[in-house]
Amino acid sequence: MFGETPAFSGFSVDDLDAARRFYGETLGLEVGEEGEGDMRVLFLTLAGGARVFVYPKDNHTPATFTILNFEVDNIDRAVDDLTGRGVTLERYEEFEADAKGIMRVDGGPAIAWFTDPAGNVLSVLQENR
């Protein structure tokens, strides 16, 4: 039914300006802004052209799941770059991470989690190609 229909995903933040700086300057994504005043929203453009809608929400609650996964060819280099840009990696008790904060398990991708300024969870993971 929707196989040929353009679609996009979205998530909320509590500070649109902080989100713009984080996604645009820290992560280096293309960030577009639409609307004005209380009706401002952002659109992130991901590699390949997919867009993600980012909207402000007064009673924002951070997503408890990973909202974006960035697949990289070298996770160690990506983590070093993130931490060099001031990003702190998350560590979860149920997953054992190495000194850099990367979880490495046999049979699965190496992955590291971090949050945006609104507390939403993102990850960087080693591409498995």
Protein backbone atom coordinates (compact mmCIF):
# COMPACT_ATOMS: atom_id res chain seq x y z
CA MET A 1 0.00 0.00 0.00
CA PHE A 2 2.74 2.51 0.94
CA GLY A 3 5.65 0.88 -0.88
CA GLU A 4 6.08 3.86 -3.20
CA THR A 5 5.05 6.57 -0.71
CA PRO A 6 7.76 8.79 0.80
CA ALA A 7 7.87 8.56 4.59
CA PHE A 8 9.93 9.87 7.46
CA SER A 9 10.41 9.16 11.13
CA GLY A 10 10.47 11.69 13.95
CA PHE A 11 11.24 12.30 17.58
CA SER A 12 10.85 15.06 20.14
CA VAL A 13 13.38 17.21 21.99
CA ASP A 14 13.06 19.75 24.78
CA ASP A 15 15.37 22.36 23.21
CA LEU A 16 15.31 22.80 19.44
CA ASP A 17 18.36 25.09 19.37
CA ALA A 18 20.46 22.57 21.34
CA ALA A 19 19.28 19.82 18.97
CA ARG A 20 20.23 21.93 15.94
CA ARG A 21 23.76 22.47 17.31
CA PHE A 22 24.22 18.83 18.34
CA TYR A 23 22.98 17.21 15.14
CA GLY A 24 24.47 19.83 12.84
CA GLU A 25 27.75 20.82 14.47
CA THR A 26 28.64 17.84 16.66
CA LEU A 27 27.39 15.02 14.43
CA GLY A 28 27.80 16.84 11.12
CA LEU A 29 24.33 16.10 9.74
CA GLU A 30 22.52 18.41 7.35
CA VAL A 31 19.90 20.21 9.47
CA GLY A 32 17.06 22.15 7.91
CA GLU A 33 14.59 24.29 9.80
CA GLU A 34 10.98 25.01 8.93
CA GLY A 35 8.34 27.19 10.52
CA GLU A 36 8.77 30.01 12.99
CA GLY A 37 8.22 30.80 16.63
CA ASP A 38 6.55 27.96 18.52
CA MET A 39 5.96 26.15 15.23
CA ARG A 40 9.66 25.68 14.37
CA VAL A 41 10.77 22.16 13.56
CA LEU A 42 13.96 20.58 12.24
CA PHE A 43 14.55 18.04 9.50
CA LEU A 44 17.76 16.00 9.67
CA THR A 45 18.98 14.63 6.35
CA LEU A 46 20.79 11.32 6.71
CA ALA A 47 23.23 9.73 4.27
CA GLY A 48 21.19 8.36 1.38
CA GLY A 49 18.66 11.19 1.62
CA ALA A 50 16.28 9.94 4.32
CA ARG A 51 14.88 12.74 6.47
CA VAL A 52 14.02 12.70 10.17
CA PHE A 53 11.54 15.14 11.71
CA VAL A 54 12.64 16.72 15.04
CA TYR A 55 10.02 18.69 16.95
CA PRO A 56 9.97 20.54 20.26
CA LYS A 57 7.75 19.19 23.02
CA ASP A 58 7.28 20.97 26.35
CA ASN A 59 6.73 17.73 28.28
CA HIS A 60 9.41 15.80 26.33
CA THR A 61 10.45 12.47 27.79
CA PRO A 62 13.67 10.99 26.34
CA ALA A 63 13.17 7.91 24.19
CA THR A 64 14.05 4.72 26.07
CA PHE A 65 15.05 3.03 22.82
CA THR A 66 17.70 3.86 20.23
CA ILE A 67 16.20 6.44 17.88
CA LEU A 68 19.08 6.54 15.36
CA ASN A 69 21.84 4.05 14.60
CA PHE A 70 24.87 5.32 12.68
CA GLU A 71 26.61 2.48 10.86
CA VAL A 72 30.34 3.15 10.42
CA ASP A 73 33.23 1.28 8.85
CA ASN A 74 35.52 1.85 11.85
CA ILE A 75 33.84 2.08 15.25
CA ASP A 76 37.05 2.87 17.12
CA ARG A 77 37.71 5.90 14.94
CA ALA A 78 34.05 7.01 15.20
CA VAL A 79 34.07 6.72 19.01
CA ASP A 80 37.35 8.62 19.22
CA ASP A 81 35.85 11.35 17.04
CA LEU A 82 32.66 11.51 19.13
CA THR A 83 34.53 11.75 22.43
CA GLY A 84 36.85 14.34 20.89
CA ARG A 85 33.75 16.40 20.16
CA GLY A 86 32.65 16.19 23.79
CA VAL A 87 30.15 13.34 23.46
CA THR A 88 29.99 11.02 26.46
CA LEU A 89 29.24 7.38 25.78
CA GLU A 90 26.56 5.63 27.78
CA ARG A 91 27.35 2.49 29.73
CA TYR A 92 24.62 0.02 30.60
CA GLU A 93 24.99 -2.50 33.41
CA GLU A 94 23.57 -5.32 31.29
CA PHE A 95 26.23 -4.87 28.58
CA GLU A 96 29.96 -5.16 29.13
CA ALA A 97 31.87 -2.42 27.35
CA ASP A 98 35.59 -1.99 26.74
CA ALA A 99 37.65 0.97 27.97
CA LYS A 100 36.32 3.16 25.14
CA GLY A 101 32.70 2.32 25.94
CA ILE A 102 32.22 -0.05 23.00
CA MET A 103 30.30 -3.28 23.51
CA ARG A 104 31.92 -6.06 21.50
CA VAL A 105 30.28 -9.48 21.34
CA ASP A 106 30.94 -12.49 19.15
CA GLY A 107 28.35 -12.79 16.42
CA GLY A 108 27.07 -9.23 16.76
CA PRO A 109 28.15 -5.77 15.76
CA ALA A 110 30.41 -3.67 17.95
CA ILE A 111 28.19 -0.87 19.25
CA ALA A 112 28.39 2.20 21.48
CA TRP A 113 25.52 4.33 22.72
CA PHE A 114 25.30 8.04 23.44
CA THR A 115 22.54 10.59 23.96
CA ASP A 116 21.53 13.85 22.37
CA PRO A 117 21.03 16.96 24.57
CA ALA A 118 17.38 15.93 25.12
CA GLY A 119 18.44 12.50 26.46
CA ASN A 120 17.34 10.50 23.40
CA VAL A 121 19.52 7.44 22.79
CA LEU A 122 21.62 7.07 19.62
CA SER A 123 24.25 4.53 18.64
CA VAL A 124 27.27 4.12 16.48
CA LEU A 125 27.90 0.57 15.31
CA GLN A 126 30.41 -1.26 13.18
CA GLU A 127 28.94 -2.02 9.78
CA ASN A 128 28.60 -5.73 9.17
CA ARG A 129 29.19 -6.05 5.43
